[in-house]
All heavy atoms as atom14 arrays in JSON, in Angstrom:
{
  "sequence": "TGYGLFTGRNVDTKNFKMLYGLFQHYNYWNNSTFELGMITFGGGAV",
  "atom14_mask": [
    [1, 1, 1, 1, 1, 1, 1, 0, 0, 0, 0, 0, 0, 0],
    [1, 1, 1, 1, 0, 0, 0, 0, 0, 0, 0, 0, 0, 0],
    [1, 1, 1, 1, 1, 1, 1, 1, 1, 1, 1, 1, 0, 0],
    [1, 1, 1, 1, 0, 0, 0, 0, 0, 0, 0, 0, 0, 0],
    [1, 1, 1, 1, 1, 1, 1, 1, 0, 0, 0, 0, 0, 0],
    [1, 1, 1, 1, 1, 1, 1, 1, 1, 1, 1, 0, 0, 0],
    [1, 1, 1, 1, 1, 1, 1, 0, 0, 0, 0, 0, 0, 0],
    [1, 1, 1, 1, 0, 0, 0, 0, 0, 0, 0, 0, 0, 0],
    [1, 1, 1, 1, 1, 1, 1, 1, 1, 1, 1, 0, 0, 0],
    [1, 1, 1, 1, 1, 1, 1, 1, 0, 0, 0, 0, 0, 0],
    [1, 1, 1, 1, 1, 1, 1, 0, 0, 0, 0, 0, 0, 0],
    [1, 1, 1, 1, 1, 1, 1, 1, 0, 0, 0, 0, 0, 0],
    [1, 1, 1, 1, 1, 1, 1, 0, 0, 0, 0, 0, 0, 0],
    [1, 1, 1, 1, 1, 1, 1, 1, 1, 0, 0, 0, 0, 0],
    [1, 1, 1, 1, 1, 1, 1, 1, 0, 0, 0, 0, 0, 0],
    [1, 1, 1, 1, 1, 1, 1, 1, 1, 1, 1, 0, 0, 0],
    [1, 1, 1, 1, 1, 1, 1, 1, 1, 0, 0, 0, 0, 0],
    [1, 1, 1, 1, 1, 1, 1, 1, 0, 0, 0, 0, 0, 0],
    [1, 1, 1, 1, 1, 1, 1, 1, 0, 0, 0, 0, 0, 0],
    [1, 1, 1, 1, 1, 1, 1, 1, 1, 1, 1, 1, 0, 0],
    [1, 1, 1, 1, 0, 0, 0, 0, 0, 0, 0, 0, 0, 0],
    [1, 1, 1, 1, 1, 1, 1, 1, 0, 0, 0, 0, 0, 0],
    [1, 1, 1, 1, 1, 1, 1, 1, 1, 1, 1, 0, 0, 0],
    [1, 1, 1, 1, 1, 1, 1, 1, 1, 0, 0, 0, 0, 0],
    [1, 1, 1, 1, 1, 1, 1, 1, 1, 1, 0, 0, 0, 0],
    [1, 1, 1, 1, 1, 1, 1, 1, 1, 1, 1, 1, 0, 0],
    [1, 1, 1, 1, 1, 1, 1, 1, 0, 0, 0, 0, 0, 0],
    [1, 1, 1, 1, 1, 1, 1, 1, 1, 1, 1, 1, 0, 0],
    [1, 1, 1, 1, 1, 1, 1, 1, 1, 1, 1, 1, 1, 1],
    [1, 1, 1, 1, 1, 1, 1, 1, 0, 0, 0, 0, 0, 0],
    [1, 1, 1, 1, 1, 1, 1, 1, 0, 0, 0, 0, 0, 0],
    [1, 1, 1, 1, 1, 1, 0, 0, 0, 0, 0, 0, 0, 0],
    [1, 1, 1, 1, 1, 1, 1, 0, 0, 0, 0, 0, 0, 0],
    [1, 1, 1, 1, 1, 1, 1, 1, 1, 1, 1, 0, 0, 0],
    [1, 1, 1, 1, 1, 1, 1, 1, 1, 0, 0, 0, 0, 0],
    [1, 1, 1, 1, 1, 1, 1, 1, 0, 0, 0, 0, 0, 0],
    [1, 1, 1, 1, 0, 0, 0, 0, 0, 0, 0, 0, 0, 0],
    [1, 1, 1, 1, 1, 1, 1, 1, 0, 0, 0, 0, 0, 0],
    [1, 1, 1, 1, 1, 1, 1, 1, 0, 0, 0, 0, 0, 0],
    [1, 1, 1, 1, 1, 1, 1, 0, 0, 0, 0, 0, 0, 0],
    [1, 1, 1, 1, 1, 1, 1, 1, 1, 1, 1, 0, 0, 0],
    [1, 1, 1, 1, 0, 0, 0, 0, 0, 0, 0, 0, 0, 0],
    [1, 1, 1, 1, 0, 0, 0, 0, 0, 0, 0, 0, 0, 0],
    [1, 1, 1, 1, 0, 0, 0, 0, 0, 0, 0, 0, 0, 0],
    [1, 1, 1, 1, 1, 0, 0, 0, 0, 0, 0, 0, 0, 0],
    [1, 1, 1, 1, 1, 1, 1, 0, 0, 0, 0, 0, 0, 0]
  ],
  "atom14_positions": [
    [[-4.66, -9.16, -4.61], [-3.84, -7.96, -4.45], [-4.04, -7.37, -3.06], [-5.11, -7.5, -2.46], [-4.18, -6.9, -5.5], [-5.53, -6.47, -5.31], [-4.03, -7.44, -6.91], [0.0, 0.0, 0.0], [0.0, 0.0, 0.0], [0.0, 0.0, 0.0], [0.0, 0.0, 0.0], [0.0, 0.0, 0.0], [0.0, 0.0, 0.0], [0.0, 0.0, 0.0]],
    [[-3.02, -6.7, -2.56], [-3.16, -6.04, -1.28], [-1.88, -5.39, -0.82], [-0.84, -5.46, -1.5], [0.0, 0.0, 0.0], [0.0, 0.0, 0.0], [0.0, 0.0, 0.0], [0.0, 0.0, 0.0], [0.0, 0.0, 0.0], [0.0, 0.0, 0.0], [0.0, 0.0, 0.0], [0.0, 0.0, 0.0], [0.0, 0.0, 0.0], [0.0, 0.0, 0.0]],
    [[-1.95, -4.77, 0.35], [-0.78, -4.14, 0.93], [-0.95, -4.07, 2.44], [-2.07, -4.13, 2.98], [-0.55, -2.74, 0.35], [-1.73, -1.81, 0.43], [-2.01, -1.07, 1.58], [-2.57, -1.66, -0.67], [-3.08, -0.21, 1.64], [-3.65, -0.79, -0.62], [-3.9, -0.07, 0.54], [-4.97, 0.78, 0.6], [0.0, 0.0, 0.0], [0.0, 0.0, 0.0]],
    [[0.19, -3.98, 3.13], [0.17, -3.88, 4.58], [1.21, -2.88, 5.05], [2.27, -2.72, 4.44], [0.0, 0.0, 0.0], [0.0, 0.0, 0.0], [0.0, 0.0, 0.0], [0.0, 0.0, 0.0], [0.0, 0.0, 0.0], [0.0, 0.0, 0.0], [0.0, 0.0, 0.0], [0.0, 0.0, 0.0], [0.0, 0.0, 0.0], [0.0, 0.0, 0.0]],
    [[0.91, -2.23, 6.15], [1.81, -1.25, 6.74], [2.96, -1.94, 7.48], [2.73, -2.87, 8.25], [1.04, -0.38, 7.73], [1.84, 0.66, 8.51], [2.26, 1.81, 7.6], [1.03, 1.18, 9.71], [0.0, 0.0, 0.0], [0.0, 0.0, 0.0], [0.0, 0.0, 0.0], [0.0, 0.0, 0.0], [0.0, 0.0, 0.0], [0.0, 0.0, 0.0]],
    [[4.19, -1.52, 7.22], [5.34, -1.96, 8.0], [5.53, -1.07, 9.22], [5.62, -1.54, 10.34], [6.61, -1.93, 7.13], [6.97, -3.27, 6.57], [8.01, -3.38, 5.67], [6.29, -4.41, 6.93], [8.36, -4.61, 5.14], [6.62, -5.64, 6.41], [7.68, -5.73, 5.52], [0.0, 0.0, 0.0], [0.0, 0.0, 0.0], [0.0, 0.0, 0.0]],
    [[5.63, 0.21, 8.99], [5.78, 1.17, 10.07], [5.28, 2.52, 9.6], [5.34, 2.82, 8.39], [7.25, 1.28, 10.52], [7.34, 2.17, 11.64], [8.14, 1.79, 9.41], [0.0, 0.0, 0.0], [0.0, 0.0, 0.0], [0.0, 0.0, 0.0], [0.0, 0.0, 0.0], [0.0, 0.0, 0.0], [0.0, 0.0, 0.0], [0.0, 0.0, 0.0]],
    [[4.75, 3.33, 10.52], [4.21, 4.6, 10.1], [3.84, 5.49, 11.26], [3.95, 5.1, 12.43], [0.0, 0.0, 0.0], [0.0, 0.0, 0.0], [0.0, 0.0, 0.0], [0.0, 0.0, 0.0], [0.0, 0.0, 0.0], [0.0, 0.0, 0.0], [0.0, 0.0, 0.0], [0.0, 0.0, 0.0], [0.0, 0.0, 0.0], [0.0, 0.0, 0.0]],
    [[3.38, 6.7, 10.93], [2.95, 7.68, 11.91], [1.67, 8.34, 11.45], [1.35, 8.36, 10.26], [4.04, 8.74, 12.12], [5.34, 8.2, 12.62], [6.29, 9.32, 12.99], [5.7, 10.17, 14.02], [6.42, 10.74, 15.0], [7.72, 10.53, 15.07], [5.84, 11.51, 15.88], [0.0, 0.0, 0.0], [0.0, 0.0, 0.0], [0.0, 0.0, 0.0]],
    [[0.94, 8.89, 12.42], [-0.35, 9.51, 12.14], [-0.28, 11.03, 12.23], [0.48, 11.59, 13.02], [-1.41, 9.0, 13.11], [-1.86, 7.59, 12.79], [-1.3, 6.62, 13.3], [-2.87, 7.48, 11.94], [0.0, 0.0, 0.0], [0.0, 0.0, 0.0], [0.0, 0.0, 0.0], [0.0, 0.0, 0.0], [0.0, 0.0, 0.0], [0.0, 0.0, 0.0]],
    [[-1.11, 11.67, 11.4], [-1.37, 13.1, 11.47], [-2.86, 13.26, 11.71], [-3.67, 12.65, 11.01], [-0.95, 13.82, 10.17], [-1.35, 15.28, 10.21], [0.54, 13.67, 9.92], [0.0, 0.0, 0.0], [0.0, 0.0, 0.0], [0.0, 0.0, 0.0], [0.0, 0.0, 0.0], [0.0, 0.0, 0.0], [0.0, 0.0, 0.0], [0.0, 0.0, 0.0]],
    [[-3.23, 14.08, 12.69], [-4.65, 14.18, 13.07], [-5.0, 15.64, 13.35], [-4.51, 16.23, 14.32], [-4.92, 13.32, 14.3], [-6.41, 13.16, 14.58], [-7.2, 13.89, 13.97], [-6.77, 12.3, 15.4], [0.0, 0.0, 0.0], [0.0, 0.0, 0.0], [0.0, 0.0, 0.0], [0.0, 0.0, 0.0], [0.0, 0.0, 0.0], [0.0, 0.0, 0.0]],
    [[-5.81, 16.23, 12.48], [-6.34, 17.57, 12.72], [-7.86, 17.47, 12.76], [-8.42, 16.38, 12.71], [-5.88, 18.55, 11.64], [-6.4, 18.14, 10.37], [-4.36, 18.6, 11.57], [0.0, 0.0, 0.0], [0.0, 0.0, 0.0], [0.0, 0.0, 0.0], [0.0, 0.0, 0.0], [0.0, 0.0, 0.0], [0.0, 0.0, 0.0], [0.0, 0.0, 0.0]],
    [[-8.52, 18.61, 12.79], [-9.97, 18.6, 12.96], [-10.69, 17.85, 11.85], [-11.52, 16.98, 12.12], [-10.48, 20.04, 13.04], [-11.98, 20.13, 13.29], [-12.43, 21.57, 13.41], [-13.94, 21.63, 13.66], [-14.43, 23.05, 13.77], [0.0, 0.0, 0.0], [0.0, 0.0, 0.0], [0.0, 0.0, 0.0], [0.0, 0.0, 0.0], [0.0, 0.0, 0.0]],
    [[-10.39, 18.16, 10.6], [-11.1, 17.54, 9.47], [-10.21, 16.7, 8.57], [-10.67, 16.19, 7.55], [-11.79, 18.62, 8.62], [-12.88, 19.33, 9.37], [-13.67, 18.7, 10.07], [-12.93, 20.65, 9.25], [0.0, 0.0, 0.0], [0.0, 0.0, 0.0], [0.0, 0.0, 0.0], [0.0, 0.0, 0.0], [0.0, 0.0, 0.0], [0.0, 0.0, 0.0]],
    [[-8.93, 16.59, 8.94], [-7.98, 15.86, 8.1], [-7.22, 14.85, 8.94], [-6.68, 15.19, 10.0], [-7.01, 16.83, 7.43], [-5.94, 16.15, 6.6], [-6.24, 15.63, 5.35], [-4.65, 16.0, 7.1], [-5.26, 15.01, 4.59], [-3.66, 15.38, 6.35], [-3.98, 14.88, 5.09], [0.0, 0.0, 0.0], [0.0, 0.0, 0.0], [0.0, 0.0, 0.0]],
    [[-7.18, 13.61, 8.46], [-6.43, 12.54, 9.13], [-5.56, 11.84, 8.1], [-5.97, 11.66, 6.95], [-7.38, 11.54, 9.79], [-8.28, 12.13, 10.87], [-9.22, 11.07, 11.42], [-10.2, 11.66, 12.43], [-9.51, 12.08, 13.67], [0.0, 0.0, 0.0], [0.0, 0.0, 0.0], [0.0, 0.0, 0.0], [0.0, 0.0, 0.0], [0.0, 0.0, 0.0]],
    [[-4.38, 11.41, 8.54], [-3.48, 10.73, 7.6], [-2.57, 9.76, 8.34], [-2.16, 10.01, 9.48], [-2.62, 11.75, 6.84], [-1.68, 11.12, 5.81], [-0.83, 12.36, 4.78], [0.26, 13.1, 6.0], [0.0, 0.0, 0.0], [0.0, 0.0, 0.0], [0.0, 0.0, 0.0], [0.0, 0.0, 0.0], [0.0, 0.0, 0.0], [0.0, 0.0, 0.0]],
    [[-2.28, 8.64, 7.69], [-1.25, 7.7, 8.12], [-0.23, 7.61, 6.99], [-0.6, 7.33, 5.85], [-1.87, 6.32, 8.37], [-0.88, 5.16, 8.57], [-0.07, 5.34, 9.86], [-1.61, 3.81, 8.58], [0.0, 0.0, 0.0], [0.0, 0.0, 0.0], [0.0, 0.0, 0.0], [0.0, 0.0, 0.0], [0.0, 0.0, 0.0], [0.0, 0.0, 0.0]],
    [[1.03, 7.87, 7.31], [2.06, 7.74, 6.3], [3.17, 6.84, 6.82], [3.39, 6.72, 8.04], [2.64, 9.11, 5.92], [3.39, 9.81, 7.02], [4.77, 9.66, 7.17], [2.72, 10.64, 7.93], [5.46, 10.31, 8.18], [3.4, 11.28, 8.94], [4.77, 11.12, 9.07], [5.45, 11.75, 10.07], [0.0, 0.0, 0.0], [0.0, 0.0, 0.0]],
    [[3.86, 6.17, 5.91], [4.91, 5.27, 6.34], [5.4, 4.36, 5.23], [5.25, 4.66, 4.04], [0.0, 0.0, 0.0], [0.0, 0.0, 0.0], [0.0, 0.0, 0.0], [0.0, 0.0, 0.0], [0.0, 0.0, 0.0], [0.0, 0.0, 0.0], [0.0, 0.0, 0.0], [0.0, 0.0, 0.0], [0.0, 0.0, 0.0], [0.0, 0.0, 0.0]],
    [[5.94, 3.22, 5.64], [6.49, 2.23, 4.73], [5.51, 1.07, 4.6], [5.02, 0.55, 5.61], [7.84, 1.72, 5.26], [8.51, 0.59, 4.47], [8.91, 1.09, 3.08], [9.73, 0.06, 5.23], [0.0, 0.0, 0.0], [0.0, 0.0, 0.0], [0.0, 0.0, 0.0], [0.0, 0.0, 0.0], [0.0, 0.0, 0.0], [0.0, 0.0, 0.0]],
    [[5.25, 0.66, 3.34], [4.28, -0.39, 3.06], [4.91, -1.5, 2.22], [5.83, -1.25, 1.44], [3.08, 0.17, 2.29], [2.21, 1.11, 3.07], [2.59, 2.43, 3.26], [1.02, 0.67, 3.61], [1.8, 3.3, 3.97], [0.21, 1.54, 4.32], [0.6, 2.85, 4.51], [0.0, 0.0, 0.0], [0.0, 0.0, 0.0], [0.0, 0.0, 0.0]],
    [[4.38, -2.72, 2.39], [4.68, -3.82, 1.47], [3.43, -4.11, 0.66], [2.32, -4.16, 1.2], [5.11, -5.09, 2.22], [5.38, -6.26, 1.27], [5.83, -7.53, 1.98], [6.08, -7.54, 3.18], [5.95, -8.62, 1.25], [0.0, 0.0, 0.0], [0.0, 0.0, 0.0], [0.0, 0.0, 0.0], [0.0, 0.0, 0.0], [0.0, 0.0, 0.0]],
    [[3.6, -4.34, -0.65], [2.49, -4.66, -1.54], [2.73, -6.03, -2.18], [3.87, -6.43, -2.43], [2.38, -3.62, -2.67], [2.17, -2.23, -2.18], [1.0, -1.54, -2.37], [3.01, -1.37, -1.54], [1.11, -0.33, -1.85], [2.33, -0.21, -1.34], [0.0, 0.0, 0.0], [0.0, 0.0, 0.0], [0.0, 0.0, 0.0], [0.0, 0.0, 0.0]],
    [[1.62, -6.71, -2.45], [1.69, -7.96, -3.21], [0.56, -7.94, -4.23], [-0.61, -7.72, -3.88], [1.56, -9.18, -2.3], [1.69, -10.47, -3.06], [2.93, -10.86, -3.57], [0.59, -11.28, -3.32], [3.07, -12.04, -4.29], [0.72, -12.45, -4.05], [1.96, -12.82, -4.53], [2.1, -13.97, -5.27], [0.0, 0.0, 0.0], [0.0, 0.0, 0.0]],
    [[0.9, -8.14, -5.5], [-0.08, -8.06, -6.58], [0.0, -9.31, -7.46], [1.09, -9.73, -7.84], [0.18, -6.82, -7.46], [0.15, -5.54, -6.66], [-0.78, -5.3, -5.89], [1.18, -4.71, -6.82], [0.0, 0.0, 0.0], [0.0, 0.0, 0.0], [0.0, 0.0, 0.0], [0.0, 0.0, 0.0], [0.0, 0.0, 0.0], [0.0, 0.0, 0.0]],
    [[-1.16, -9.85, -7.79], [-1.24, -11.05, -8.63], [-2.47, -10.93, -9.51], [-3.59, -10.82, -9.02], [-1.34, -12.28, -7.74], [-1.6, -13.59, -8.47], [-0.55, -14.38, -8.91], [-2.9, -14.05, -8.69], [-0.78, -15.59, -9.56], [-3.14, -15.24, -9.34], [-2.09, -16.01, -9.77], [-2.31, -17.21, -10.41], [0.0, 0.0, 0.0], [0.0, 0.0, 0.0]],
    [[-2.25, -10.88, -10.83], [-3.33, -10.95, -11.82], [-3.02, -12.1, -12.77], [-1.9, -12.22, -13.28], [-3.42, -9.66, -12.63], [-4.02, -8.5, -11.92], [-5.34, -8.19, -11.78], [-3.31, -7.45, -11.24], [-5.5, -7.03, -11.07], [-4.26, -6.55, -10.72], [-1.95, -7.2, -11.02], [-3.92, -5.43, -10.0], [-1.6, -6.07, -10.3], [-2.57, -5.2, -9.8]],
    [[-4.04, -12.91, -13.02], [-3.84, -14.07, -13.89], [-5.14, -14.36, -14.62], [-6.03, -15.05, -14.11], [-3.4, -15.29, -13.06], [-3.01, -16.48, -13.92], [-2.9, -16.36, -15.14], [-2.8, -17.62, -13.3], [0.0, 0.0, 0.0], [0.0, 0.0, 0.0], [0.0, 0.0, 0.0], [0.0, 0.0, 0.0], [0.0, 0.0, 0.0], [0.0, 0.0, 0.0]],
    [[-5.28, -13.82, -15.83], [-6.47, -14.08, -16.62], [-6.08, -14.35, -18.07], [-4.9, -14.45, -18.39], [-7.46, -12.9, -16.51], [-6.84, -11.58, -16.88], [-6.18, -11.44, -17.91], [-7.02, -10.58, -16.01], [0.0, 0.0, 0.0], [0.0, 0.0, 0.0], [0.0, 0.0, 0.0], [0.0, 0.0, 0.0], [0.0, 0.0, 0.0], [0.0, 0.0, 0.0]],
    [[-7.06, -14.47, -18.93], [-6.77, -14.84, -20.32], [-6.14, -13.7, -21.11], [-5.68, -13.92, -22.24], [-8.07, -15.29, -21.01], [-9.05, -14.28, -20.95], [0.0, 0.0, 0.0], [0.0, 0.0, 0.0], [0.0, 0.0, 0.0], [0.0, 0.0, 0.0], [0.0, 0.0, 0.0], [0.0, 0.0, 0.0], [0.0, 0.0, 0.0], [0.0, 0.0, 0.0]],
    [[-6.09, -12.48, -20.55], [-5.49, -11.34, -21.23], [-4.05, -11.12, -20.82], [-3.19, -10.87, -21.66], [-6.31, -10.06, -20.95], [-7.66, -10.27, -21.35], [-5.73, -8.88, -21.7], [0.0, 0.0, 0.0], [0.0, 0.0, 0.0], [0.0, 0.0, 0.0], [0.0, 0.0, 0.0], [0.0, 0.0, 0.0], [0.0, 0.0, 0.0], [0.0, 0.0, 0.0]],
    [[-3.76, -11.18, -19.53], [-2.4, -10.91, -19.08], [-2.11, -11.61, -17.75], [-3.03, -11.97, -17.0], [-2.15, -9.4, -18.94], [-2.94, -8.75, -17.83], [-2.38, -8.52, -16.59], [-4.26, -8.34, -18.05], [-3.1, -7.9, -15.58], [-4.98, -7.72, -17.05], [-4.41, -7.51, -15.8], [0.0, 0.0, 0.0], [0.0, 0.0, 0.0], [0.0, 0.0, 0.0]],
    [[-0.83, -11.84, -17.5], [-0.33, -12.33, -16.22], [0.62, -11.27, -15.64], [1.51, -10.79, -16.33], [0.44, -13.65, -16.4], [-0.42, -14.79, -16.89], [0.41, -16.02, -17.24], [1.62, -15.86, -17.52], [-0.16, -17.13, -17.25], [0.0, 0.0, 0.0], [0.0, 0.0, 0.0], [0.0, 0.0, 0.0], [0.0, 0.0, 0.0], [0.0, 0.0, 0.0]],
    [[0.41, -10.92, -14.4], [1.25, -9.92, -13.76], [1.27, -10.19, -12.26], [0.23, -10.17, -11.59], [0.7, -8.52, -14.03], [1.47, -7.33, -13.44], [2.89, -7.28, -14.01], [0.73, -6.03, -13.72], [0.0, 0.0, 0.0], [0.0, 0.0, 0.0], [0.0, 0.0, 0.0], [0.0, 0.0, 0.0], [0.0, 0.0, 0.0], [0.0, 0.0, 0.0]],
    [[2.45, -10.45, -11.73], [2.6, -10.68, -10.3], [3.84, -9.99, -9.8], [4.85, -9.93, -10.5], [0.0, 0.0, 0.0], [0.0, 0.0, 0.0], [0.0, 0.0, 0.0], [0.0, 0.0, 0.0], [0.0, 0.0, 0.0], [0.0, 0.0, 0.0], [0.0, 0.0, 0.0], [0.0, 0.0, 0.0], [0.0, 0.0, 0.0], [0.0, 0.0, 0.0]],
    [[3.78, -9.44, -8.56], [4.95, -8.72, -8.08], [4.92, -8.49, -6.58], [3.86, -8.52, -5.94], [5.08, -7.37, -8.78], [3.99, -6.39, -8.49], [4.17, -4.9, -9.5], [3.92, -5.58, -11.14], [0.0, 0.0, 0.0], [0.0, 0.0, 0.0], [0.0, 0.0, 0.0], [0.0, 0.0, 0.0], [0.0, 0.0, 0.0], [0.0, 0.0, 0.0]],
    [[6.11, -8.3, -6.04], [6.33, -7.89, -4.66], [6.92, -6.49, -4.7], [7.86, -6.24, -5.46], [7.3, -8.85, -3.97], [6.75, -10.28, -3.98], [7.61, -8.4, -2.55], [7.8, -11.33, -3.7], [0.0, 0.0, 0.0], [0.0, 0.0, 0.0], [0.0, 0.0, 0.0], [0.0, 0.0, 0.0], [0.0, 0.0, 0.0], [0.0, 0.0, 0.0]],
    [[6.4, -5.57, -3.9], [6.93, -4.2, -3.9], [7.05, -3.67, -2.48], [6.31, -4.09, -1.58], [6.06, -3.24, -4.73], [4.94, -2.8, -3.96], [5.56, -3.9, -6.01], [0.0, 0.0, 0.0], [0.0, 0.0, 0.0], [0.0, 0.0, 0.0], [0.0, 0.0, 0.0], [0.0, 0.0, 0.0], [0.0, 0.0, 0.0], [0.0, 0.0, 0.0]],
    [[7.97, -2.71, -2.29], [8.17, -2.02, -1.02], [8.33, -0.53, -1.29], [9.03, -0.15, -2.24], [9.42, -2.53, -0.3], [9.38, -3.97, 0.11], [9.83, -4.95, -0.75], [8.89, -4.34, 1.34], [9.81, -6.28, -0.4], [8.85, -5.67, 1.72], [9.31, -6.65, 0.85], [0.0, 0.0, 0.0], [0.0, 0.0, 0.0], [0.0, 0.0, 0.0]],
    [[7.72, 0.3, -0.46], [7.9, 1.73, -0.66], [7.07, 2.57, 0.29], [6.39, 2.05, 1.2], [0.0, 0.0, 0.0], [0.0, 0.0, 0.0], [0.0, 0.0, 0.0], [0.0, 0.0, 0.0], [0.0, 0.0, 0.0], [0.0, 0.0, 0.0], [0.0, 0.0, 0.0], [0.0, 0.0, 0.0], [0.0, 0.0, 0.0], [0.0, 0.0, 0.0]],
    [[7.11, 3.87, 0.08], [6.39, 4.8, 0.93], [4.97, 5.01, 0.46], [4.63, 4.78, -0.7], [0.0, 0.0, 0.0], [0.0, 0.0, 0.0], [0.0, 0.0, 0.0], [0.0, 0.0, 0.0], [0.0, 0.0, 0.0], [0.0, 0.0, 0.0], [0.0, 0.0, 0.0], [0.0, 0.0, 0.0], [0.0, 0.0, 0.0], [0.0, 0.0, 0.0]],
    [[4.14, 5.46, 1.39], [2.75, 5.72, 1.04], [2.06, 6.54, 2.1], [2.56, 6.73, 3.21], [0.0, 0.0, 0.0], [0.0, 0.0, 0.0], [0.0, 0.0, 0.0], [0.0, 0.0, 0.0], [0.0, 0.0, 0.0], [0.0, 0.0, 0.0], [0.0, 0.0, 0.0], [0.0, 0.0, 0.0], [0.0, 0.0, 0.0], [0.0, 0.0, 0.0]],
    [[0.87, 7.03, 1.76], [0.07, 7.81, 2.68], [-1.4, 7.49, 2.48], [-1.88, 7.38, 1.34], [0.3, 9.31, 2.48], [0.0, 0.0, 0.0], [0.0, 0.0, 0.0], [0.0, 0.0, 0.0], [0.0, 0.0, 0.0], [0.0, 0.0, 0.0], [0.0, 0.0, 0.0], [0.0, 0.0, 0.0], [0.0, 0.0, 0.0], [0.0, 0.0, 0.0]],
    [[-2.12, 7.31, 3.58], [-3.56, 7.04, 3.6], [-4.22, 8.24, 4.27], [-3.89, 8.57, 5.41], [-3.88, 5.76, 4.39], [-5.37, 5.47, 4.4], [-3.11, 4.58, 3.82], [0.0, 0.0, 0.0], [0.0, 0.0, 0.0], [0.0, 0.0, 0.0], [0.0, 0.0, 0.0], [0.0, 0.0, 0.0], [0.0, 0.0, 0.0], [0.0, 0.0, 0.0]]
  ]
}
């Protein structure tokens, strides 16, 4: 599983920092309980 930034901008103050933008995600789970895999695109903030 993971995600990567497509494009974004930063906010930087004294004690608060943030990156927000558009991300791509890829998720893959495959075990004896469940299988779940997907490609996703959307907004996010770090």
